[in-house]
Amino acid sequence: MNFEEYVRHGKCQDFHSSLSPEEWQVYHQGQADHAAQMIDEVIDRIPLPPDARDLLDLGGGHGLYSLAFCRRYPNLRARVLDLRITIEELESKRASDGAYDRVKFEVGDIRIVSFQCGSTDVILLANVMHHFDELTNRGLLQRVATALRPGGIVIVIDAFRCPSVEKTSQLEAFLDLYFGAASGIGLWTIGKVQEWTRNAGLVVMPPMPIRHMPLCKMQVAKKVPLWQGTLNKGK
């Protein structure tokens, strides 16, 4: 990881760009193992809009979140977008689980890909924002807000650091160092993510800590219907 070079000179690795196909498979498996520790809690505590039909899973290459939501909501279909997809592993799962028929995997860079206006009801950003700088995250949430249908929601799941350096725990500091050396960024505060989300025109809900992983939180925001937003402005 060359932590010394990062600490001394700010030199980091864009490690996603250098992974081999075999390393991508290991990486996705690690992400899937992480998701498996909290996925039941996420599904139970975040109800989707009752008429939700489409979910866009950004950077969720292992597909476990999309699969779990599709199992819970029979009328839901999901589109998973990531830099790399391990097709062989996914096809073997598809054969044993009917819900996979409603999950579509695509290769793409979520930092630059275009999202169709009003095309989806739910957008998931699980453990991706700590890899992006502020400008990229602001732009991403602006595009997310445009892609959501009225009444749709965005779900951000990530590890967040404390706003106060003095109150930062050892684990927060370690993860901040790790992601900084890996991508040049590190952990964001929940307040920063909320700021970007509000600036995108979305209504931010209270964040929810994840019981099995207290450092991680779920942040949900909603795109209110146009008439409701106009009504609230008039109050």
Foldseek 3Di string as FASTA:
>chain_A
DPLVCCVPPVAAALVVVVDDLVRVVVVLVVVVVVCVLFLVVVLVPDDFPPPFAEEEEEQNQNCPNVLVNCVVPVRHAYEYEHQDHPVVVLVVVVVVDVSCVRYHYDYDDLLDDAADFQAGQEYEAEADCQLDDLVSLLVSLLRVLRNHHAFGKYKYKHFAFDPDPVPTDPVQVVQQSVSCRHRVGGHHHPVSNVVSNVVSVWAKDDWAARPSHRRMIMTMTGRHDPVVVVVVVVD
